[in-house]
PDB file of N, CA and C in Angstrom:
ATOM      1  N   MET A   1       0.178 -35.246  -3.997  1.00  0.00           N
ATOM      2  CA  MET A   1       0.686 -34.162  -3.164  1.00  0.00           C
ATOM      3  C   MET A   1       0.362 -32.827  -3.837  1.00  0.00           C
ATOM      4  N   ALA A   2      -0.205 -31.897  -3.078  1.00  0.00           N
ATOM      5  CA  ALA A   2      -0.581 -30.588  -3.605  1.00  0.00           C
ATOM      6  C   ALA A   2       0.645 -29.691  -3.724  1.00  0.00           C
ATOM      7  N   ILE A   3       0.626 -28.862  -4.733  1.00  0.00           N
ATOM      8  CA  ILE A   3       1.704 -27.894  -4.925  1.00  0.00           C
ATOM      9  C   ILE A   3       1.447 -26.713  -4.006  1.00  0.00           C
ATOM     10  N   ARG A   4       2.455 -26.341  -3.244  1.00  0.00           N
ATOM     11  CA  ARG A   4       2.315 -25.212  -2.323  1.00  0.00           C
ATOM     12  C   ARG A   4       2.910 -23.972  -2.964  1.00  0.00           C
ATOM     13  N   ILE A   5       2.104 -22.915  -3.052  1.00  0.00           N
ATOM     14  CA  ILE A   5       2.556 -21.636  -3.576  1.00  0.00           C
ATOM     15  C   ILE A   5       2.972 -20.773  -2.392  1.00  0.00           C
ATOM     16  N   PRO A   6       4.164 -20.190  -2.452  1.00  0.00           N
ATOM     17  CA  PRO A   6       4.591 -19.326  -1.341  1.00  0.00           C
ATOM     18  C   PRO A   6       3.587 -18.196  -1.105  1.00  0.00           C
ATOM     19  N   ASP A   7       3.472 -17.763   0.153  1.00  0.00           N
ATOM     20  CA  ASP A   7       2.505 -16.726   0.509  1.00  0.00           C
ATOM     21  C   ASP A   7       2.719 -15.424  -0.253  1.00  0.00           C
ATOM     22  N   ASP A   8       3.958 -15.122  -0.603  1.00  0.00           N
ATOM     23  CA  ASP A   8       4.231 -13.863  -1.277  1.00  0.00           C
ATOM     24  C   ASP A   8       4.171 -13.979  -2.808  1.00  0.00           C
ATOM     25  N   ALA A   9       3.842 -15.155  -3.316  1.00  0.00           N
ATOM     26  CA  ALA A   9       3.723 -15.337  -4.760  1.00  0.00           C
ATOM     27  C   ALA A   9       2.389 -14.766  -5.232  1.00  0.00           C
ATOM     28  N   PRO A  10       2.388 -14.108  -6.401  1.00  0.00           N
ATOM     29  CA  PRO A  10       1.120 -13.576  -6.901  1.00  0.00           C
ATOM     30  C   PRO A  10       0.154 -14.697  -7.267  1.00  0.00           C
ATOM     31  N   ASP A  11      -1.103 -14.439  -7.060  1.00  0.00           N
ATOM     32  CA  ASP A  11      -2.150 -15.395  -7.410  1.00  0.00           C
ATOM     33  C   ASP A  11      -2.271 -15.432  -8.935  1.00  0.00           C
ATOM     34  N   PRO A  12      -2.123 -16.599  -9.555  1.00  0.00           N
ATOM     35  CA  PRO A  12      -2.207 -16.669 -11.017  1.00  0.00           C
ATOM     36  C   PRO A  12      -3.528 -16.139 -11.580  1.00  0.00           C
ATOM     37  N   ALA A  13      -4.630 -16.347 -10.876  1.00  0.00           N
ATOM     38  CA  ALA A  13      -5.921 -15.835 -11.348  1.00  0.00           C
ATOM     39  C   ALA A  13      -5.934 -14.304 -11.332  1.00  0.00           C
ATOM     40  N   GLN A  14      -5.371 -13.725 -10.273  1.00  0.00           N
ATOM     41  CA  GLN A  14      -5.292 -12.266 -10.211  1.00  0.00           C
ATOM     42  C   GLN A  14      -4.384 -11.729 -11.313  1.00  0.00           C
ATOM     43  N   MET A  15      -3.266 -12.380 -11.523  1.00  0.00           N
ATOM     44  CA  MET A  15      -2.337 -11.932 -12.558  1.00  0.00           C
ATOM     45  C   MET A  15      -2.990 -11.982 -13.936  1.00  0.00           C
ATOM     46  N   ALA A  16      -3.780 -13.021 -14.187  1.00  0.00           N
ATOM     47  CA  ALA A  16      -4.486 -13.124 -15.467  1.00  0.00           C
ATOM     48  C   ALA A  16      -5.492 -11.978 -15.610  1.00  0.00           C
ATOM     49  N   LEU A  17      -6.175 -11.651 -14.530  1.00  0.00           N
ATOM     50  CA  LEU A  17      -7.127 -10.547 -14.567  1.00  0.00           C
ATOM     51  C   LEU A  17      -6.402  -9.226 -14.829  1.00  0.00           C
ATOM     52  N   TYR A  18      -5.338  -8.980 -14.089  1.00  0.00           N
ATOM     53  CA  TYR A  18      -4.599  -7.728 -14.257  1.00  0.00           C
ATOM     54  C   TYR A  18      -4.037  -7.590 -15.667  1.00  0.00           C
ATOM     55  N   ALA A  19      -3.688  -8.685 -16.288  1.00  0.00           N
ATOM     56  CA  ALA A  19      -3.145  -8.645 -17.647  1.00  0.00           C
ATOM     57  C   ALA A  19      -4.168  -8.124 -18.656  1.00  0.00           C
ATOM     58  N   THR A  20      -5.458  -8.238 -18.319  1.00  0.00           N
ATOM     59  CA  THR A  20      -6.496  -7.743 -19.224  1.00  0.00           C
ATOM     60  C   THR A  20      -6.740  -6.253 -19.049  1.00  0.00           C
ATOM     61  N   TRP A  21      -6.228  -5.670 -17.966  1.00  0.00           N
ATOM     62  CA  TRP A  21      -6.456  -4.256 -17.693  1.00  0.00           C
ATOM     63  C   TRP A  21      -5.591  -3.385 -18.589  1.00  0.00           C
ATOM     64  N   SER A  22      -6.107  -2.227 -18.929  1.00  0.00           N
ATOM     65  CA  SER A  22      -5.329  -1.249 -19.688  1.00  0.00           C
ATOM     66  C   SER A  22      -4.297  -0.612 -18.750  1.00  0.00           C
ATOM     67  N   PRO A  23      -3.249  -0.034 -19.321  1.00  0.00           N
ATOM     68  CA  PRO A  23      -2.282   0.666 -18.461  1.00  0.00           C
ATOM     69  C   PRO A  23      -2.935   1.776 -17.636  1.00  0.00           C
ATOM     70  N   THR A  24      -3.919   2.451 -18.202  1.00  0.00           N
ATOM     71  CA  THR A  24      -4.612   3.511 -17.463  1.00  0.00           C
ATOM     72  C   THR A  24      -5.331   2.949 -16.250  1.00  0.00           C
ATOM     73  N   ARG A  25      -5.978   1.808 -16.418  1.00  0.00           N
ATOM     74  CA  ARG A  25      -6.690   1.198 -15.295  1.00  0.00           C
ATOM     75  C   ARG A  25      -5.712   0.707 -14.232  1.00  0.00           C
ATOM     76  N   ARG A  26      -4.596   0.122 -14.660  1.00  0.00           N
ATOM     77  CA  ARG A  26      -3.592  -0.337 -13.679  1.00  0.00           C
ATOM     78  C   ARG A  26      -3.025   0.849 -12.901  1.00  0.00           C
ATOM     79  N   TRP A  27      -2.751   1.951 -13.608  1.00  0.00           N
ATOM     80  CA  TRP A  27      -2.228   3.138 -12.941  1.00  0.00           C
ATOM     81  C   TRP A  27      -3.237   3.681 -11.935  1.00  0.00           C
ATOM     82  N   ALA A  28      -4.510   3.748 -12.329  1.00  0.00           N
ATOM     83  CA  ALA A  28      -5.552   4.253 -11.434  1.00  0.00           C
ATOM     84  C   ALA A  28      -5.640   3.388 -10.173  1.00  0.00           C
ATOM     85  N   ARG A  29      -5.527   2.086 -10.329  1.00  0.00           N
ATOM     86  CA  ARG A  29      -5.584   1.184  -9.168  1.00  0.00           C
ATOM     87  C   ARG A  29      -4.373   1.384  -8.263  1.00  0.00           C
ATOM     88  N   ALA A  30      -3.215   1.577  -8.872  1.00  0.00           N
ATOM     89  CA  ALA A  30      -2.005   1.822  -8.082  1.00  0.00           C
ATOM     90  C   ALA A  30      -2.156   3.106  -7.262  1.00  0.00           C
ATOM     91  N   VAL A  31      -2.723   4.133  -7.865  1.00  0.00           N
ATOM     92  CA  VAL A  31      -2.938   5.401  -7.162  1.00  0.00           C
ATOM     93  C   VAL A  31      -3.921   5.200  -6.009  1.00  0.00           C
ATOM     94  N   GLN A  32      -4.989   4.430  -6.247  1.00  0.00           N
ATOM     95  CA  GLN A  32      -5.963   4.146  -5.182  1.00  0.00           C
ATOM     96  C   GLN A  32      -5.317   3.392  -4.024  1.00  0.00           C
ATOM     97  N   LEU A  33      -4.498   2.399  -4.347  1.00  0.00           N
ATOM     98  CA  LEU A  33      -3.849   1.613  -3.297  1.00  0.00           C
ATOM     99  C   LEU A  33      -2.876   2.462  -2.485  1.00  0.00           C
ATOM    100  N   ARG A  34      -2.139   3.347  -3.164  1.00  0.00           N
ATOM    101  CA  ARG A  34      -1.211   4.216  -2.454  1.00  0.00           C
ATOM    102  C   ARG A  34      -1.971   5.154  -1.519  1.00  0.00           C
ATOM    103  N   ALA A  35      -3.083   5.708  -1.994  1.00  0.00           N
ATOM    104  CA  ALA A  35      -3.888   6.600  -1.157  1.00  0.00           C
ATOM    105  C   ALA A  35      -4.422   5.861   0.066  1.00  0.00           C
ATOM    106  N   ALA A  36      -4.871   4.631  -0.134  1.00  0.00           N
ATOM    107  CA  ALA A  36      -5.383   3.839   0.989  1.00  0.00           C
ATOM    108  C   ALA A  36      -4.264   3.549   1.995  1.00  0.00           C
ATOM    109  N   ALA A  37      -3.077   3.221   1.496  1.00  0.00           N
ATOM    110  CA  ALA A  37      -1.942   2.961   2.390  1.00  0.00           C
ATOM    111  C   ALA A  37      -1.575   4.217   3.166  1.00  0.00           C
ATOM    112  N   TRP A  38      -1.605   5.359   2.512  1.00  0.00           N
ATOM    113  CA  TRP A  38      -1.291   6.632   3.163  1.00  0.00           C
ATOM    114  C   TRP A  38      -2.292   6.912   4.290  1.00  0.00           C
ATOM    115  N   GLU A  39      -3.587   6.695   4.013  1.00  0.00           N
ATOM    116  CA  GLU A  39      -4.611   6.923   5.030  1.00  0.00           C
ATOM    117  C   GLU A  39      -4.435   5.991   6.229  1.00  0.00           C
ATOM    118  N   LEU A  40      -4.141   4.725   5.964  1.00  0.00           N
ATOM    119  CA  LEU A  40      -3.943   3.777   7.059  1.00  0.00           C
ATOM    120  C   LEU A  40      -2.716   4.145   7.889  1.00  0.00           C
ATOM    121  N   LYS A  41      -1.630   4.491   7.224  1.00  0.00           N
ATOM    122  CA  LYS A  41      -0.409   4.869   7.942  1.00  0.00           C
ATOM    123  C   LYS A  41      -0.646   6.122   8.771  1.00  0.00           C
ATOM    124  N   THR A  42      -1.383   7.085   8.222  1.00  0.00           N
ATOM    125  CA  THR A  42      -1.679   8.318   8.949  1.00  0.00           C
ATOM    126  C   THR A  42      -2.525   8.031  10.184  1.00  0.00           C
ATOM    127  N   ALA A  43      -3.539   7.196  10.030  1.00  0.00           N
ATOM    128  CA  ALA A  43      -4.388   6.844  11.170  1.00  0.00           C
ATOM    129  C   ALA A  43      -3.578   6.136  12.255  1.00  0.00           C
ATOM    130  N   PHE A  44      -2.702   5.225  11.847  1.00  0.00           N
ATOM    131  CA  PHE A  44      -1.865   4.515  12.813  1.00  0.00           C
ATOM    132  C   PHE A  44      -0.934   5.487  13.540  1.00  0.00           C
ATOM    133  N   CYS A  45      -0.343   6.399  12.789  1.00  0.00           N
ATOM    134  CA  CYS A  45       0.581   7.373  13.380  1.00  0.00           C
ATOM    135  C   CYS A  45      -0.154   8.265  14.388  1.00  0.00           C
ATOM    136  N   ARG A  46      -1.380   8.663  14.046  1.00  0.00           N
ATOM    137  CA  ARG A  46      -2.190   9.468  14.982  1.00  0.00           C
ATOM    138  C   ARG A  46      -2.473   8.702  16.268  1.00  0.00           C
ATOM    139  N   GLN A  47      -2.813   7.434  16.120  1.00  0.00           N
ATOM    140  CA  GLN A  47      -3.137   6.609  17.280  1.00  0.00           C
ATOM    141  C   GLN A  47      -1.913   6.406  18.175  1.00  0.00           C
ATOM    142  N   GLU A  48      -0.774   6.187  17.562  1.00  0.00           N
ATOM    143  CA  GLU A  48       0.450   5.940  18.324  1.00  0.00           C
ATOM    144  C   GLU A  48       1.038   7.208  18.941  1.00  0.00           C
ATOM    145  N   ASN A  49       0.679   8.372  18.400  1.00  0.00           N
ATOM    146  CA  ASN A  49       1.259   9.639  18.858  1.00  0.00           C
ATOM    147  C   ASN A  49       0.159  10.688  19.049  1.00  0.00           C
ATOM    148  N   PRO A  50      -0.709  10.496  20.030  1.00  0.00           N
ATOM    149  CA  PRO A  50      -1.862  11.392  20.187  1.00  0.00           C
ATOM    150  C   PRO A  50      -1.503  12.847  20.474  1.00  0.00           C
ATOM    151  N   GLY A  51      -0.332  13.107  20.971  1.00  0.00           N
ATOM    152  CA  GLY A  51       0.063  14.478  21.288  1.00  0.00           C
ATOM    153  C   GLY A  51       0.684  15.234  20.125  1.00  0.00           C
ATOM    154  N   TRP A  52       0.870  14.562  19.003  1.00  0.00           N
ATOM    155  CA  TRP A  52       1.519  15.206  17.861  1.00  0.00           C
ATOM    156  C   TRP A  52       0.564  16.124  17.118  1.00  0.00           C
ATOM    157  N   THR A  53       1.146  17.164  16.525  1.00  0.00           N
ATOM    158  CA  THR A  53       0.362  18.047  15.662  1.00  0.00           C
ATOM    159  C   THR A  53       0.166  17.375  14.310  1.00  0.00           C
ATOM    160  N   GLU A  54      -0.741  17.928  13.514  1.00  0.00           N
ATOM    161  CA  GLU A  54      -0.987  17.387  12.173  1.00  0.00           C
ATOM    162  C   GLU A  54       0.274  17.477  11.312  1.00  0.00           C
ATOM    163  N   ASP A  55       1.031  18.562  11.471  1.00  0.00           N
ATOM    164  CA  ASP A  55       2.280  18.708  10.711  1.00  0.00           C
ATOM    165  C   ASP A  55       3.281  17.611  11.083  1.00  0.00           C
ATOM    166  N   GLN A  56       3.384  17.297  12.365  1.00  0.00           N
ATOM    167  CA  GLN A  56       4.294  16.231  12.791  1.00  0.00           C
ATOM    168  C   GLN A  56       3.870  14.884  12.215  1.00  0.00           C
ATOM    169  N   ILE A  57       2.570  14.641  12.193  1.00  0.00           N
ATOM    170  CA  ILE A  57       2.070  13.372  11.660  1.00  0.00           C
ATOM    171  C   ILE A  57       2.374  13.277  10.169  1.00  0.00           C
ATOM    172  N   VAL A  58       2.072  14.330   9.430  1.00  0.00           N
ATOM    173  CA  VAL A  58       2.334  14.325   7.983  1.00  0.00           C
ATOM    174  C   VAL A  58       3.818  14.143   7.711  1.00  0.00           C
ATOM    175  N   THR A  59       4.653  14.815   8.471  1.00  0.00           N
ATOM    176  CA  THR A  59       6.103  14.689   8.292  1.00  0.00           C
ATOM    177  C   THR A  59       6.559  13.251   8.532  1.00  0.00           C
ATOM    178  N   GLU A  60       6.039  12.630   9.575  1.00  0.00           N
ATOM    179  CA  GLU A  60       6.426  11.250   9.887  1.00  0.00           C
ATOM    180  C   GLU A  60       5.932  10.277   8.821  1.00  0.00           C
ATOM    181  N   VAL A  61       4.703  10.446   8.362  1.00  0.00           N
ATOM    182  CA  VAL A  61       4.176   9.557   7.320  1.00  0.00           C
ATOM    183  C   VAL A  61       4.996   9.714   6.042  1.00  0.00           C
ATOM    184  N   ARG A  62       5.324  10.928   5.684  1.00  0.00           N
ATOM    185  CA  ARG A  62       6.181  11.154   4.507  1.00  0.00           C
ATOM    186  C   ARG A  62       7.527  10.458   4.674  1.00  0.00           C
ATOM    187  N   ARG A  63       8.108  10.603   5.860  1.00  0.00           N
ATOM    188  CA  ARG A  63       9.408   9.975   6.119  1.00  0.00           C
ATOM    189  C   ARG A  63       9.315   8.456   5.966  1.00  0.00           C
ATOM    190  N   GLN A  64       8.256   7.875   6.513  1.00  0.00           N
ATOM    191  CA  GLN A  64       8.096   6.425   6.439  1.00  0.00           C
ATOM    192  C   GLN A  64       7.908   5.950   5.005  1.00  0.00           C
ATOM    193  N   PHE A  65       7.134   6.689   4.218  1.00  0.00           N
ATOM    194  CA  PHE A  65       6.951   6.302   2.823  1.00  0.00           C
ATOM    195  C   PHE A  65       8.243   6.488   2.037  1.00  0.00           C
ATOM    196  N   LEU A  66       8.970   7.544   2.331  1.00  0.00           N
ATOM    197  CA  LEU A  66      10.223   7.796   1.628  1.00  0.00           C
ATOM    198  C   LEU A  66      11.250   6.693   1.882  1.00  0.00           C
ATOM    199  N   HIS A  67      11.284   6.171   3.107  1.00  0.00           N
ATOM    200  CA  HIS A  67      12.291   5.187   3.491  1.00  0.00           C
ATOM    201  C   HIS A  67      11.742   3.750   3.537  1.00  0.00           C
ATOM    202  N   ALA A  68      10.579   3.544   2.947  1.00  0.00           N
ATOM    203  CA  ALA A  68       9.964   2.201   2.950  1.00  0.00           C
ATOM    204  C   ALA A  68      10.830   1.231   2.175  1.00  0.00           C
ATOM    205  N   ARG A  69      10.856   0.004   2.615  1.00  0.00           N
ATOM    206  CA  ARG A  69      11.603  -1.064   1.941  1.00  0.00           C
ATOM    207  C   ARG A  69      10.658  -2.191   1.647  1.00  0.00           C
ATOM    208  N   GLY A  70      10.848  -2.795   0.505  1.00  0.00           N
ATOM    209  CA  GLY A  70      10.143  -4.029   0.182  1.00  0.00           C
ATOM    210  C   GLY A  70       8.829  -3.833  -0.434  1.00  0.00           C
TER     211      GLY A  70
END
């Protein structure tokens, strides 16, 4: 019987790779991932609210990131 790893469990191979990274490299990757998430959220917000101004979109994206859970 195969061992089932929960979907939200980290991949052991990825964890081993990340363990070799310097703190600077891990921080840089975290910053890249946050920027990518911000861009995706902004694009989604624009699509869902085509009549909103850029200020309204930025305000909403900030609010969503501020109140994000999990």
